[in-house]
Amino acid sequence: MDGRSLKPFVDGPAPNSWRTSLLLEGVRSGSPKRPAYSGVRYQERVYVKYTSGEEAYYDRKVDSYQLENRPQEAPQDMKQQLDALKSCSVDNCRSAEGA
């Protein structure tokens, strides 16, 4: 995903509107064994899809330590946003990430 400057946070108080989601990506790891993954994170929700096909979903409002994976509860809009963030560029990323 194309980056976004953190300068607004350095120059003063945090902006009221900046982004509502963040793309997460990780490469395959041998220790511990973990497949590559991509995900989308909101302030209170996280959805991750691994290259193995497994999924993870955490509602941080009720599970702040992300101890209970509930992939069956992952909202369809988060899955769609993950696809949009993975394939976006420039201005399309701004709309895909929110605000």
PDB file of N, CA and C in Angstrom:
ATOM      1  N   MET A   1       0.853  -1.167   0.000  1.00  0.00           N
ATOM      2  CA  MET A   1       0.000   0.000   0.000  1.00  0.00           C
ATOM      3  C   MET A   1       0.892   1.221   0.000  1.00  0.00           C
ATOM      4  N   ASP A   2       0.486   2.237  -0.713  1.00  0.00           N
ATOM      5  CA  ASP A   2       1.217   3.492  -0.713  1.00  0.00           C
ATOM      6  C   ASP A   2       1.153   4.114   0.669  1.00  0.00           C
ATOM      7  N   GLY A   3       2.242   4.737   1.071  1.00  0.00           N
ATOM      8  CA  GLY A   3       2.335   5.296   2.411  1.00  0.00           C
ATOM      9  C   GLY A   3       1.570   6.598   2.582  1.00  0.00           C
ATOM     10  N   ARG A   4       1.465   7.017   3.812  1.00  0.00           N
ATOM     11  CA  ARG A   4       0.833   8.278   4.154  1.00  0.00           C
ATOM     12  C   ARG A   4       1.701   8.949   5.205  1.00  0.00           C
ATOM     13  N   SER A   5       1.922  10.227   5.043  1.00  0.00           N
ATOM     14  CA  SER A   5       2.809  10.972   5.923  1.00  0.00           C
ATOM     15  C   SER A   5       2.284  11.025   7.357  1.00  0.00           C
ATOM     16  N   LEU A   6       3.221  10.906   8.300  1.00  0.00           N
ATOM     17  CA  LEU A   6       2.903  11.058   9.721  1.00  0.00           C
ATOM     18  C   LEU A   6       3.110  12.502  10.182  1.00  0.00           C
ATOM     19  N   LYS A   7       3.487  13.383   9.261  1.00  0.00           N
ATOM     20  CA  LYS A   7       3.767  14.776   9.590  1.00  0.00           C
ATOM     21  C   LYS A   7       2.637  15.464  10.350  1.00  0.00           C
ATOM     22  N   PRO A   8       1.355  15.231  10.020  1.00  0.00           N
ATOM     23  CA  PRO A   8       0.292  15.892  10.788  1.00  0.00           C
ATOM     24  C   PRO A   8       0.351  15.597  12.284  1.00  0.00           C
ATOM     25  N   PHE A   9       0.863  14.441  12.670  1.00  0.00           N
ATOM     26  CA  PHE A   9       0.953  14.074  14.086  1.00  0.00           C
ATOM     27  C   PHE A   9       2.147  14.743  14.766  1.00  0.00           C
ATOM     28  N   VAL A  10       3.188  15.022  13.985  1.00  0.00           N
ATOM     29  CA  VAL A  10       4.394  15.630  14.522  1.00  0.00           C
ATOM     30  C   VAL A  10       4.207  17.133  14.722  1.00  0.00           C
ATOM     31  N   ASP A  11       3.455  17.752  13.820  1.00  0.00           N
ATOM     32  CA  ASP A  11       3.286  19.203  13.831  1.00  0.00           C
ATOM     33  C   ASP A  11       2.296  19.711  14.869  1.00  0.00           C
ATOM     34  N   GLY A  12       1.560  18.856  15.497  1.00  0.00           N
ATOM     35  CA  GLY A  12       0.574  19.320  16.467  1.00  0.00           C
ATOM     36  C   GLY A  12      -0.342  18.196  16.883  1.00  0.00           C
ATOM     37  N   PRO A  13      -1.542  18.557  17.342  1.00  0.00           N
ATOM     38  CA  PRO A  13      -2.486  17.524  17.770  1.00  0.00           C
ATOM     39  C   PRO A  13      -2.896  16.621  16.602  1.00  0.00           C
ATOM     40  N   ALA A  14      -3.257  15.401  16.934  1.00  0.00           N
ATOM     41  CA  ALA A  14      -3.655  14.431  15.908  1.00  0.00           C
ATOM     42  C   ALA A  14      -4.840  14.971  15.110  1.00  0.00           C
ATOM     43  N   PRO A  15      -4.829  14.761  13.802  1.00  0.00           N
ATOM     44  CA  PRO A  15      -5.961  15.200  12.978  1.00  0.00           C
ATOM     45  C   PRO A  15      -7.241  14.456  13.362  1.00  0.00           C
ATOM     46  N   ASN A  16      -8.384  15.118  13.195  1.00  0.00           N
ATOM     47  CA  ASN A  16      -9.671  14.481  13.491  1.00  0.00           C
ATOM     48  C   ASN A  16      -9.955  13.339  12.539  1.00  0.00           C
ATOM     49  N   SER A  17      -9.503  13.466  11.315  1.00  0.00           N
ATOM     50  CA  SER A  17      -9.792  12.455  10.304  1.00  0.00           C
ATOM     51  C   SER A  17      -8.500  12.138   9.562  1.00  0.00           C
ATOM     52  N   TRP A  18      -8.068  10.888   9.629  1.00  0.00           N
ATOM     53  CA  TRP A  18      -6.841  10.533   8.932  1.00  0.00           C
ATOM     54  C   TRP A  18      -7.015   9.234   8.168  1.00  0.00           C
ATOM     55  N   ARG A  19      -7.261   8.145   8.837  1.00  0.00           N
ATOM     56  CA  ARG A  19      -7.583   6.864   8.207  1.00  0.00           C
ATOM     57  C   ARG A  19      -8.339   6.033   9.232  1.00  0.00           C
ATOM     58  N   THR A  20      -9.157   5.112   8.730  1.00  0.00           N
ATOM     59  CA  THR A  20      -9.946   4.280   9.636  1.00  0.00           C
ATOM     60  C   THR A  20      -9.473   2.834   9.662  1.00  0.00           C
ATOM     61  N   SER A  21      -8.592   2.478   8.730  1.00  0.00           N
ATOM     62  CA  SER A  21      -8.102   1.105   8.680  1.00  0.00           C
ATOM     63  C   SER A  21      -6.644   1.095   8.264  1.00  0.00           C
ATOM     64  N   LEU A  22      -6.014  -0.054   8.468  1.00  0.00           N
ATOM     65  CA  LEU A  22      -4.602  -0.210   8.156  1.00  0.00           C
ATOM     66  C   LEU A  22      -4.374  -1.592   7.567  1.00  0.00           C
ATOM     67  N   LEU A  23      -3.616  -1.655   6.486  1.00  0.00           N
ATOM     68  CA  LEU A  23      -3.263  -2.935   5.875  1.00  0.00           C
ATOM     69  C   LEU A  23      -2.113  -3.562   6.655  1.00  0.00           C
ATOM     70  N   LEU A  24      -2.248  -4.835   6.982  1.00  0.00           N
ATOM     71  CA  LEU A  24      -1.202  -5.610   7.653  1.00  0.00           C
ATOM     72  C   LEU A  24      -0.676  -6.635   6.667  1.00  0.00           C
ATOM     73  N   GLU A  25       0.636  -6.839   6.626  1.00  0.00           N
ATOM     74  CA  GLU A  25       1.205  -7.872   5.769  1.00  0.00           C
ATOM     75  C   GLU A  25       2.402  -8.495   6.474  1.00  0.00           C
ATOM     76  N   GLY A  26       2.589  -9.777   6.274  1.00  0.00           N
ATOM     77  CA  GLY A  26       3.727 -10.474   6.863  1.00  0.00           C
ATOM     78  C   GLY A  26       4.199 -11.579   5.947  1.00  0.00           C
ATOM     79  N   VAL A  27       5.495 -11.806   5.943  1.00  0.00           N
ATOM     80  CA  VAL A  27       6.069 -12.867   5.121  1.00  0.00           C
ATOM     81  C   VAL A  27       6.093 -14.175   5.897  1.00  0.00           C
ATOM     82  N   ARG A  28       6.264 -15.250   5.192  1.00  0.00           N
ATOM     83  CA  ARG A  28       6.348 -16.568   5.817  1.00  0.00           C
ATOM     84  C   ARG A  28       7.509 -16.583   6.791  1.00  0.00           C
ATOM     85  N   SER A  29       7.290 -17.221   7.908  1.00  0.00           N
ATOM     86  CA  SER A  29       8.317 -17.285   8.945  1.00  0.00           C
ATOM     87  C   SER A  29       8.546 -18.740   9.347  1.00  0.00           C
ATOM     88  N   GLY A  30       9.798 -19.094   9.579  1.00  0.00           N
ATOM     89  CA  GLY A  30      10.115 -20.461   9.976  1.00  0.00           C
ATOM     90  C   GLY A  30      10.111 -20.665  11.478  1.00  0.00           C
ATOM     91  N   SER A  31      10.145 -19.589  12.254  1.00  0.00           N
ATOM     92  CA  SER A  31      10.221 -19.737  13.698  1.00  0.00           C
ATOM     93  C   SER A  31       9.393 -18.661  14.384  1.00  0.00           C
ATOM     94  N   PRO A  32       8.246 -18.920  14.928  1.00  0.00           N
ATOM     95  CA  PRO A  32       7.527 -20.181  14.763  1.00  0.00           C
ATOM     96  C   PRO A  32       6.964 -20.272  13.347  1.00  0.00           C
ATOM     97  N   LYS A  33       6.621 -21.468  12.933  1.00  0.00           N
ATOM     98  CA  LYS A  33       6.114 -21.643  11.574  1.00  0.00           C
ATOM     99  C   LYS A  33       4.842 -20.832  11.395  1.00  0.00           C
ATOM    100  N   ARG A  34       4.898 -19.932  10.434  1.00  0.00           N
ATOM    101  CA  ARG A  34       3.745 -19.086  10.142  1.00  0.00           C
ATOM    102  C   ARG A  34       3.735 -18.802   8.647  1.00  0.00           C
ATOM    103  N   PRO A  35       2.618 -19.027   7.981  1.00  0.00           N
ATOM    104  CA  PRO A  35       2.545 -18.700   6.555  1.00  0.00           C
ATOM    105  C   PRO A  35       2.472 -17.180   6.369  1.00  0.00           C
ATOM    106  N   ALA A  36       2.739 -16.725   5.164  1.00  0.00           N
ATOM    107  CA  ALA A  36       2.578 -15.310   4.851  1.00  0.00           C
ATOM    108  C   ALA A  36       1.116 -14.942   5.066  1.00  0.00           C
ATOM    109  N   TYR A  37       0.862 -13.667   5.331  1.00  0.00           N
ATOM    110  CA  TYR A  37      -0.506 -13.234   5.596  1.00  0.00           C
ATOM    111  C   TYR A  37      -0.711 -11.787   5.184  1.00  0.00           C
ATOM    112  N   SER A  38      -1.962 -11.416   5.065  1.00  0.00           N
ATOM    113  CA  SER A  38      -2.352 -10.022   4.909  1.00  0.00           C
ATOM    114  C   SER A  38      -3.627  -9.838   5.717  1.00  0.00           C
ATOM    115  N   GLY A  39      -3.838  -8.639   6.171  1.00  0.00           N
ATOM    116  CA  GLY A  39      -5.006  -8.381   7.001  1.00  0.00           C
ATOM    117  C   GLY A  39      -5.369  -6.915   7.007  1.00  0.00           C
ATOM    118  N   VAL A  40      -6.475  -6.628   7.625  1.00  0.00           N
ATOM    119  CA  VAL A  40      -6.920  -5.250   7.789  1.00  0.00           C
ATOM    120  C   VAL A  40      -7.240  -5.046   9.269  1.00  0.00           C
ATOM    121  N   ARG A  41      -6.833  -3.888   9.776  1.00  0.00           N
ATOM    122  CA  ARG A  41      -7.047  -3.599  11.196  1.00  0.00           C
ATOM    123  C   ARG A  41      -7.764  -2.267  11.341  1.00  0.00           C
ATOM    124  N   TYR A  42      -8.830  -2.316  12.092  1.00  0.00           N
ATOM    125  CA  TYR A  42      -9.522  -1.111  12.526  1.00  0.00           C
ATOM    126  C   TYR A  42      -9.115  -0.903  13.990  1.00  0.00           C
ATOM    127  N   GLN A  43      -9.574   0.163  14.593  1.00  0.00           N
ATOM    128  CA  GLN A  43      -9.218   0.411  15.980  1.00  0.00           C
ATOM    129  C   GLN A  43      -9.645  -0.746  16.879  1.00  0.00           C
ATOM    130  N   GLU A  44     -10.817  -1.329  16.620  1.00  0.00           N
ATOM    131  CA  GLU A  44     -11.331  -2.356  17.533  1.00  0.00           C
ATOM    132  C   GLU A  44     -11.565  -3.724  16.894  1.00  0.00           C
ATOM    133  N   ARG A  45     -11.164  -3.904  15.635  1.00  0.00           N
ATOM    134  CA  ARG A  45     -11.357  -5.195  14.968  1.00  0.00           C
ATOM    135  C   ARG A  45     -10.151  -5.516  14.100  1.00  0.00           C
ATOM    136  N   VAL A  46      -9.847  -6.811  13.978  1.00  0.00           N
ATOM    137  CA  VAL A  46      -8.722  -7.274  13.159  1.00  0.00           C
ATOM    138  C   VAL A  46      -9.168  -8.494  12.360  1.00  0.00           C
ATOM    139  N   TYR A  47      -8.884  -8.483  11.052  1.00  0.00           N
ATOM    140  CA  TYR A  47      -9.160  -9.634  10.198  1.00  0.00           C
ATOM    141  C   TYR A  47      -7.878  -9.964   9.433  1.00  0.00           C
ATOM    142  N   VAL A  48      -7.475 -11.237   9.448  1.00  0.00           N
ATOM    143  CA  VAL A  48      -6.248 -11.679   8.782  1.00  0.00           C
ATOM    144  C   VAL A  48      -6.549 -12.910   7.943  1.00  0.00           C
ATOM    145  N   LYS A  49      -5.954 -12.952   6.739  1.00  0.00           N
ATOM    146  CA  LYS A  49      -6.056 -14.133   5.888  1.00  0.00           C
ATOM    147  C   LYS A  49      -4.638 -14.605   5.574  1.00  0.00           C
ATOM    148  N   TYR A  50      -4.381 -15.885   5.875  1.00  0.00           N
ATOM    149  CA  TYR A  50      -3.072 -16.485   5.645  1.00  0.00           C
ATOM    150  C   TYR A  50      -3.034 -17.144   4.274  1.00  0.00           C
ATOM    151  N   THR A  51      -1.839 -17.280   3.694  1.00  0.00           N
ATOM    152  CA  THR A  51      -1.724 -17.938   2.391  1.00  0.00           C
ATOM    153  C   THR A  51      -2.120 -19.402   2.471  1.00  0.00           C
ATOM    154  N   SER A  52      -2.158 -19.956   3.670  1.00  0.00           N
ATOM    155  CA  SER A  52      -2.594 -21.339   3.864  1.00  0.00           C
ATOM    156  C   SER A  52      -4.109 -21.478   3.721  1.00  0.00           C
ATOM    157  N   GLY A  53      -4.814 -20.335   3.671  1.00  0.00           N
ATOM    158  CA  GLY A  53      -6.275 -20.356   3.588  1.00  0.00           C
ATOM    159  C   GLY A  53      -6.940 -20.114   4.932  1.00  0.00           C
ATOM    160  N   GLU A  54      -6.183 -20.230   6.009  1.00  0.00           N
ATOM    161  CA  GLU A  54      -6.753 -19.977   7.336  1.00  0.00           C
ATOM    162  C   GLU A  54      -7.055 -18.490   7.502  1.00  0.00           C
ATOM    163  N   GLU A  55      -8.017 -18.205   8.381  1.00  0.00           N
ATOM    164  CA  GLU A  55      -8.405 -16.830   8.662  1.00  0.00           C
ATOM    165  C   GLU A  55      -8.395 -16.596  10.169  1.00  0.00           C
ATOM    166  N   ALA A  56      -8.282 -15.327  10.542  1.00  0.00           N
ATOM    167  CA  ALA A  56      -8.359 -14.941  11.947  1.00  0.00           C
ATOM    168  C   ALA A  56      -9.190 -13.671  12.036  1.00  0.00           C
ATOM    169  N   TYR A  57     -10.045 -13.610  13.041  1.00  0.00           N
ATOM    170  CA  TYR A  57     -10.838 -12.408  13.290  1.00  0.00           C
ATOM    171  C   TYR A  57     -10.944 -12.200  14.792  1.00  0.00           C
ATOM    172  N   TYR A  58     -10.652 -10.990  15.218  1.00  0.00           N
ATOM    173  CA  TYR A  58     -10.733 -10.635  16.636  1.00  0.00           C
ATOM    174  C   TYR A  58     -11.522  -9.347  16.793  1.00  0.00           C
ATOM    175  N   ASP A  59     -12.462  -9.354  17.706  1.00  0.00           N
ATOM    176  CA  ASP A  59     -13.193  -8.154  18.087  1.00  0.00           C
ATOM    177  C   ASP A  59     -12.538  -7.668  19.370  1.00  0.00           C
ATOM    178  N   ARG A  60     -11.734  -6.635  19.267  1.00  0.00           N
ATOM    179  CA  ARG A  60     -10.934  -6.181  20.400  1.00  0.00           C
ATOM    180  C   ARG A  60     -11.769  -5.477  21.470  1.00  0.00           C
ATOM    181  N   LYS A  61     -13.024  -5.151  21.163  1.00  0.00           N
ATOM    182  CA  LYS A  61     -13.902  -4.580  22.197  1.00  0.00           C
ATOM    183  C   LYS A  61     -14.202  -5.610  23.274  1.00  0.00           C
ATOM    184  N   VAL A  62     -14.404  -6.851  22.853  1.00  0.00           N
ATOM    185  CA  VAL A  62     -14.745  -7.917  23.808  1.00  0.00           C
ATOM    186  C   VAL A  62     -13.563  -8.839  24.110  1.00  0.00           C
ATOM    187  N   ASP A  63     -12.505  -8.770  23.304  1.00  0.00           N
ATOM    188  CA  ASP A  63     -11.332  -9.627  23.468  1.00  0.00           C
ATOM    189  C   ASP A  63     -10.078  -8.786  23.214  1.00  0.00           C
ATOM    190  N   SER A  64      -9.766  -7.901  24.135  1.00  0.00           N
ATOM    191  CA  SER A  64      -8.696  -6.919  23.920  1.00  0.00           C
ATOM    192  C   SER A  64      -7.315  -7.558  23.731  1.00  0.00           C
ATOM    193  N   TYR A  65      -7.112  -8.766  24.244  1.00  0.00           N
ATOM    194  CA  TYR A  65      -5.827  -9.437  24.086  1.00  0.00           C
ATOM    195  C   TYR A  65      -5.783 -10.397  22.900  1.00  0.00           C
ATOM    196  N   GLN A  66      -6.847 -10.413  22.111  1.00  0.00           N
ATOM    197  CA  GLN A  66      -6.933 -11.257  20.925  1.00  0.00           C
ATOM    198  C   GLN A  66      -6.637 -12.713  21.244  1.00  0.00           C
ATOM    199  N   LEU A  67      -7.352 -13.244  22.206  1.00  0.00           N
ATOM    200  CA  LEU A  67      -7.156 -14.631  22.642  1.00  0.00           C
ATOM    201  C   LEU A  67      -8.098 -15.606  21.957  1.00  0.00           C
ATOM    202  N   GLU A  68      -9.262 -15.117  21.500  1.00  0.00           N
ATOM    203  CA  GLU A  68     -10.263 -16.002  20.897  1.00  0.00           C
ATOM    204  C   GLU A  68     -10.469 -15.655  19.429  1.00  0.00           C
ATOM    205  N   ASN A  69      -9.920 -16.495  18.571  1.00  0.00           N
ATOM    206  CA  ASN A  69     -10.083 -16.318  17.134  1.00  0.00           C
ATOM    207  C   ASN A  69     -11.485 -16.764  16.733  1.00  0.00           C
ATOM    208  N   ARG A  70     -12.219 -15.886  16.063  1.00  0.00           N
ATOM    209  CA  ARG A  70     -13.580 -16.195  15.620  1.00  0.00           C
ATOM    210  C   ARG A  70     -13.738 -15.856  14.131  1.00  0.00           C
ATOM    211  N   PRO A  71     -13.049 -16.612  13.256  1.00  0.00           N
ATOM    212  CA  PRO A  71     -13.095 -16.288  11.823  1.00  0.00           C
ATOM    213  C   PRO A  71     -14.494 -16.356  11.226  1.00  0.00           C
ATOM    214  N   GLN A  72     -15.367 -17.175  11.782  1.00  0.00           N
ATOM    215  CA  GLN A  72     -16.730 -17.288  11.257  1.00  0.00           C
ATOM    216  C   GLN A  72     -17.522 -16.001  11.478  1.00  0.00           C
ATOM    217  N   GLU A  73     -17.050 -15.128  12.360  1.00  0.00           N
ATOM    218  CA  GLU A  73     -17.740 -13.870  12.638  1.00  0.00           C
ATOM    219  C   GLU A  73     -17.159 -12.689  11.856  1.00  0.00           C
ATOM    220  N   ALA A  74     -16.156 -12.932  11.023  1.00  0.00           N
ATOM    221  CA  ALA A  74     -15.532 -11.851  10.256  1.00  0.00           C
ATOM    222  C   ALA A  74     -16.548 -11.223   9.311  1.00  0.00           C
ATOM    223  N   PRO A  75     -16.756  -9.915   9.412  1.00  0.00           N
ATOM    224  CA  PRO A  75     -17.709  -9.242   8.530  1.00  0.00           C
ATOM    225  C   PRO A  75     -17.251  -9.257   7.073  1.00  0.00           C
ATOM    226  N   GLN A  76     -18.182  -9.425   6.183  1.00  0.00           N
ATOM    227  CA  GLN A  76     -17.881  -9.454   4.757  1.00  0.00           C
ATOM    228  C   GLN A  76     -17.223  -8.151   4.295  1.00  0.00           C
ATOM    229  N   ASP A  77     -17.622  -7.022   4.874  1.00  0.00           N
ATOM    230  CA  ASP A  77     -17.037  -5.751   4.449  1.00  0.00           C
ATOM    231  C   ASP A  77     -15.539  -5.677   4.771  1.00  0.00           C
ATOM    232  N   MET A  78     -15.100  -6.334   5.844  1.00  0.00           N
ATOM    233  CA  MET A  78     -13.663  -6.348   6.151  1.00  0.00           C
ATOM    234  C   MET A  78     -12.908  -7.190   5.131  1.00  0.00           C
ATOM    235  N   LYS A  79     -13.495  -8.291   4.719  1.00  0.00           N
ATOM    236  CA  LYS A  79     -12.866  -9.133   3.700  1.00  0.00           C
ATOM    237  C   LYS A  79     -12.738  -8.363   2.387  1.00  0.00           C
ATOM    238  N   GLN A  80     -13.780  -7.622   2.028  1.00  0.00           N
ATOM    239  CA  GLN A  80     -13.753  -6.832   0.802  1.00  0.00           C
ATOM    240  C   GLN A  80     -12.747  -5.691   0.907  1.00  0.00           C
ATOM    241  N   GLN A  81     -12.662  -5.068   2.073  1.00  0.00           N
ATOM    242  CA  GLN A  81     -11.708  -3.983   2.238  1.00  0.00           C
ATOM    243  C   GLN A  81     -10.277  -4.508   2.160  1.00  0.00           C
ATOM    244  N   LEU A  82     -10.031  -5.690   2.696  1.00  0.00           N
ATOM    245  CA  LEU A  82      -8.695  -6.279   2.589  1.00  0.00           C
ATOM    246  C   LEU A  82      -8.317  -6.447   1.119  1.00  0.00           C
ATOM    247  N   ASP A  83      -9.221  -6.970   0.319  1.00  0.00           N
ATOM    248  CA  ASP A  83      -8.952  -7.124  -1.112  1.00  0.00           C
ATOM    249  C   ASP A  83      -8.666  -5.773  -1.764  1.00  0.00           C
ATOM    250  N   ALA A  84      -9.436  -4.746  -1.398  1.00  0.00           N
ATOM    251  CA  ALA A  84      -9.248  -3.409  -1.970  1.00  0.00           C
ATOM    252  C   ALA A  84      -7.894  -2.833  -1.569  1.00  0.00           C
ATOM    253  N   LEU A  85      -7.499  -2.992  -0.314  1.00  0.00           N
ATOM    254  CA  LEU A  85      -6.223  -2.453   0.155  1.00  0.00           C
ATOM    255  C   LEU A  85      -5.034  -3.172  -0.473  1.00  0.00           C
ATOM    256  N   LYS A  86      -5.154  -4.485  -0.682  1.00  0.00           N
ATOM    257  CA  LYS A  86      -4.047  -5.251  -1.257  1.00  0.00           C
ATOM    258  C   LYS A  86      -3.783  -4.873  -2.708  1.00  0.00           C
ATOM    259  N   SER A  87      -4.793  -4.413  -3.407  1.00  0.00           N
ATOM    260  CA  SER A  87      -4.627  -4.154  -4.836  1.00  0.00           C
ATOM    261  C   SER A  87      -4.682  -2.674  -5.203  1.00  0.00           C
ATOM    262  N   CYS A  88      -4.667  -1.782  -4.238  1.00  0.00           N
ATOM    263  CA  CYS A  88      -4.815  -0.354  -4.537  1.00  0.00           C
ATOM    264  C   CYS A  88      -3.476   0.315  -4.826  1.00  0.00           C
ATOM    265  N   SER A  89      -3.563   1.523  -5.374  1.00  0.00           N
ATOM    266  CA  SER A  89      -2.391   2.380  -5.542  1.00  0.00           C
ATOM    267  C   SER A  89      -2.835   3.837  -5.525  1.00  0.00           C
ATOM    268  N   VAL A  90      -1.979   4.678  -5.031  1.00  0.00           N
ATOM    269  CA  VAL A  90      -2.147   6.133  -4.945  1.00  0.00           C
ATOM    270  C   VAL A  90      -3.514   6.521  -4.390  1.00  0.00           C
ATOM    271  N   ASP A  91      -4.325   7.256  -5.167  1.00  0.00           N
ATOM    272  CA  ASP A  91      -5.597   7.776  -4.664  1.00  0.00           C
ATOM    273  C   ASP A  91      -6.598   6.674  -4.318  1.00  0.00           C
ATOM    274  N   ASN A  92      -6.527   5.548  -5.005  1.00  0.00           N
ATOM    275  CA  ASN A  92      -7.424   4.441  -4.672  1.00  0.00           C
ATOM    276  C   ASN A  92      -7.174   3.940  -3.250  1.00  0.00           C
ATOM    277  N   CYS A  93      -5.924   4.031  -2.792  1.00  0.00           N
ATOM    278  CA  CYS A  93      -5.610   3.619  -1.419  1.00  0.00           C
ATOM    279  C   CYS A  93      -6.247   4.562  -0.420  1.00  0.00           C
ATOM    280  N   ARG A  94      -6.269   5.837  -0.738  1.00  0.00           N
ATOM    281  CA  ARG A  94      -6.849   6.807   0.190  1.00  0.00           C
ATOM    282  C   ARG A  94      -8.315   6.491   0.432  1.00  0.00           C
ATOM    283  N   SER A  95      -9.048   6.155  -0.607  1.00  0.00           N
ATOM    284  CA  SER A  95     -10.466   5.828  -0.428  1.00  0.00           C
ATOM    285  C   SER A  95     -10.626   4.448   0.201  1.00  0.00           C
ATOM    286  N   ALA A  96      -9.725   3.501  -0.100  1.00  0.00           N
ATOM    287  CA  ALA A  96      -9.831   2.160   0.460  1.00  0.00           C
ATOM    288  C   ALA A  96      -9.551   2.126   1.955  1.00  0.00           C
ATOM    289  N   GLU A  97      -8.662   2.993   2.430  1.00  0.00           N
ATOM    290  CA  GLU A  97      -8.302   2.981   3.847  1.00  0.00           C
ATOM    291  C   GLU A  97      -9.236   3.806   4.706  1.00  0.00           C
ATOM    292  N   GLY A  98     -10.148   4.528   4.106  1.00  0.00           N
ATOM    293  CA  GLY A  98     -11.078   5.360   4.877  1.00  0.00           C
ATOM    294  C   GLY A  98     -10.549   6.765   5.036  1.00  0.00           C
ATOM    295  N   ALA A  99     -11.401   7.627   5.547  1.00  0.00           N
ATOM    296  CA  ALA A  99     -11.162   9.063   5.768  1.00  0.00           C
ATOM    297  C   ALA A  99      -9.958   9.627   5.095  1.00  0.00           C
TER     298      ALA A  99
END
